[in-house]
């Protein structure tokens, strides 16, 4: 679902029709909390973890992150 973001609305309204609080608008948010939450849940992030005497390792899959504990005994 796409949300239209207006550049300079008079009543600080989100694309869904809900009004955006004045304080939220003043710090630069142009979507309401509910729409912002939906947008944030759609984004995926990559985690970089440091290894001793090595470079950072990029982890894309959350399951791989569970297997990176160096102290864990693997069978």
C-alpha atoms as a PDB file:
ATOM      1  CA  UNK A   1       0.000   0.000   0.000  1.00  0.00           C
ATOM      2  CA  UNK A   2       1.405   3.383  -0.979  1.00  0.00           C
ATOM      3  CA  UNK A   3       0.918   6.496   1.093  1.00  0.00           C
ATOM      4  CA  UNK A   4       0.895   9.860  -0.592  1.00  0.00           C
ATOM      5  CA  UNK A   5       2.867  12.453   1.291  1.00  0.00           C
ATOM      6  CA  UNK A   6       1.877  16.060   0.776  1.00  0.00           C
ATOM      7  CA  UNK A   7       4.612  18.697   0.754  1.00  0.00           C
ATOM      8  CA  UNK A   8       2.892  21.605   2.488  1.00  0.00           C
ATOM      9  CA  UNK A   9      -0.658  20.881   3.566  1.00  0.00           C
ATOM     10  CA  UNK A  10      -2.484  23.540   5.558  1.00  0.00           C
ATOM     11  CA  UNK A  11      -3.876  21.178   8.195  1.00  0.00           C
ATOM     12  CA  UNK A  12      -0.897  18.774   8.577  1.00  0.00           C
ATOM     13  CA  UNK A  13      -2.782  15.762   7.280  1.00  0.00           C
ATOM     14  CA  UNK A  14      -1.254  12.356   6.531  1.00  0.00           C
ATOM     15  CA  UNK A  15      -1.980  10.600   3.233  1.00  0.00           C
ATOM     16  CA  UNK A  16      -4.434   8.318   5.051  1.00  0.00           C
ATOM     17  CA  UNK A  17      -6.492  11.303   6.223  1.00  0.00           C
ATOM     18  CA  UNK A  18      -5.439  11.355   9.881  1.00  0.00           C
ATOM     19  CA  UNK A  19      -4.125  14.616  11.299  1.00  0.00           C
ATOM     20  CA  UNK A  20      -0.453  14.748  12.282  1.00  0.00           C
ATOM     21  CA  UNK A  21       0.323  16.269  15.683  1.00  0.00           C
ATOM     22  CA  UNK A  22       1.965  19.711  15.577  1.00  0.00           C
ATOM     23  CA  UNK A  23       5.090  18.598  17.472  1.00  0.00           C
ATOM     24  CA  UNK A  24       5.562  15.622  15.165  1.00  0.00           C
ATOM     25  CA  UNK A  25       5.145  17.871  12.129  1.00  0.00           C
ATOM     26  CA  UNK A  26       7.663  20.397  13.498  1.00  0.00           C
ATOM     27  CA  UNK A  27      10.452  17.807  13.741  1.00  0.00           C
ATOM     28  CA  UNK A  28       9.945  16.710  10.140  1.00  0.00           C
ATOM     29  CA  UNK A  29       7.546  13.764  10.144  1.00  0.00           C
ATOM     30  CA  UNK A  30       4.988  13.881   7.341  1.00  0.00           C
ATOM     31  CA  UNK A  31       3.107  10.666   8.177  1.00  0.00           C
ATOM     32  CA  UNK A  32       1.002   9.752  11.217  1.00  0.00           C
ATOM     33  CA  UNK A  33       2.191   7.222  13.807  1.00  0.00           C
ATOM     34  CA  UNK A  34       0.088   4.408  12.375  1.00  0.00           C
ATOM     35  CA  UNK A  35       1.321   4.889   8.795  1.00  0.00           C
ATOM     36  CA  UNK A  36       4.892   5.375  10.031  1.00  0.00           C
ATOM     37  CA  UNK A  37       4.674   2.057  11.870  1.00  0.00           C
ATOM     38  CA  UNK A  38       3.426   0.286   8.729  1.00  0.00           C
ATOM     39  CA  UNK A  39       6.256   1.769   6.665  1.00  0.00           C
ATOM     40  CA  UNK A  40       8.871   0.829   9.291  1.00  0.00           C
ATOM     41  CA  UNK A  41       7.701  -2.794   9.367  1.00  0.00           C
ATOM     42  CA  UNK A  42       8.215  -3.055   5.600  1.00  0.00           C
ATOM     43  CA  UNK A  43      11.890  -2.062   5.793  1.00  0.00           C
ATOM     44  CA  UNK A  44      14.590  -4.688   6.215  1.00  0.00           C
ATOM     45  CA  UNK A  45      17.969  -3.988   7.752  1.00  0.00           C
ATOM     46  CA  UNK A  46      21.353  -5.655   7.598  1.00  0.00           C
ATOM     47  CA  UNK A  47      23.318  -6.160  10.793  1.00  0.00           C
ATOM     48  CA  UNK A  48      27.106  -5.923  10.843  1.00  0.00           C
ATOM     49  CA  UNK A  49      28.834  -7.683  13.711  1.00  0.00           C
ATOM     50  CA  UNK A  50      32.560  -7.459  14.505  1.00  0.00           C
ATOM     51  CA  UNK A  51      34.733 -10.542  14.778  1.00  0.00           C
ATOM     52  CA  UNK A  52      37.995 -10.686  16.705  1.00  0.00           C
ATOM     53  CA  UNK A  53      40.999 -10.077  14.412  1.00  0.00           C
ATOM     54  CA  UNK A  54      38.706  -9.839  11.442  1.00  0.00           C
ATOM     55  CA  UNK A  55      36.425  -7.595   9.503  1.00  0.00           C
ATOM     56  CA  UNK A  56      32.781  -6.921  10.150  1.00  0.00           C
ATOM     57  CA  UNK A  57      30.447  -9.679   9.000  1.00  0.00           C
ATOM     58  CA  UNK A  58      27.217  -8.635   7.304  1.00  0.00           C
ATOM     59  CA  UNK A  59      24.204 -10.672   8.368  1.00  0.00           C
ATOM     60  CA  UNK A  60      21.089 -10.531   6.182  1.00  0.00           C
ATOM     61  CA  UNK A  61      19.202 -13.523   7.545  1.00  0.00           C
ATOM     62  CA  UNK A  62      18.088 -13.342  11.215  1.00  0.00           C
ATOM     63  CA  UNK A  63      18.585 -17.121  11.554  1.00  0.00           C
ATOM     64  CA  UNK A  64      22.283 -16.721  10.713  1.00  0.00           C
ATOM     65  CA  UNK A  65      22.612 -14.160  13.488  1.00  0.00           C
ATOM     66  CA  UNK A  66      21.671 -16.846  16.018  1.00  0.00           C
ATOM     67  CA  UNK A  67      24.622 -18.990  14.866  1.00  0.00           C
ATOM     68  CA  UNK A  68      27.319 -16.323  15.262  1.00  0.00           C
ATOM     69  CA  UNK A  69      28.018 -16.711  18.977  1.00  0.00           C
ATOM     70  CA  UNK A  70      31.720 -17.590  19.167  1.00  0.00           C
ATOM     71  CA  UNK A  71      31.373 -19.102  22.659  1.00  0.00           C
ATOM     72  CA  UNK A  72      28.589 -21.506  21.720  1.00  0.00           C
ATOM     73  CA  UNK A  73      29.491 -25.205  21.488  1.00  0.00           C
ATOM     74  CA  UNK A  74      28.424 -26.606  18.135  1.00  0.00           C
ATOM     75  CA  UNK A  75      27.725 -30.260  17.637  1.00  0.00           C
END
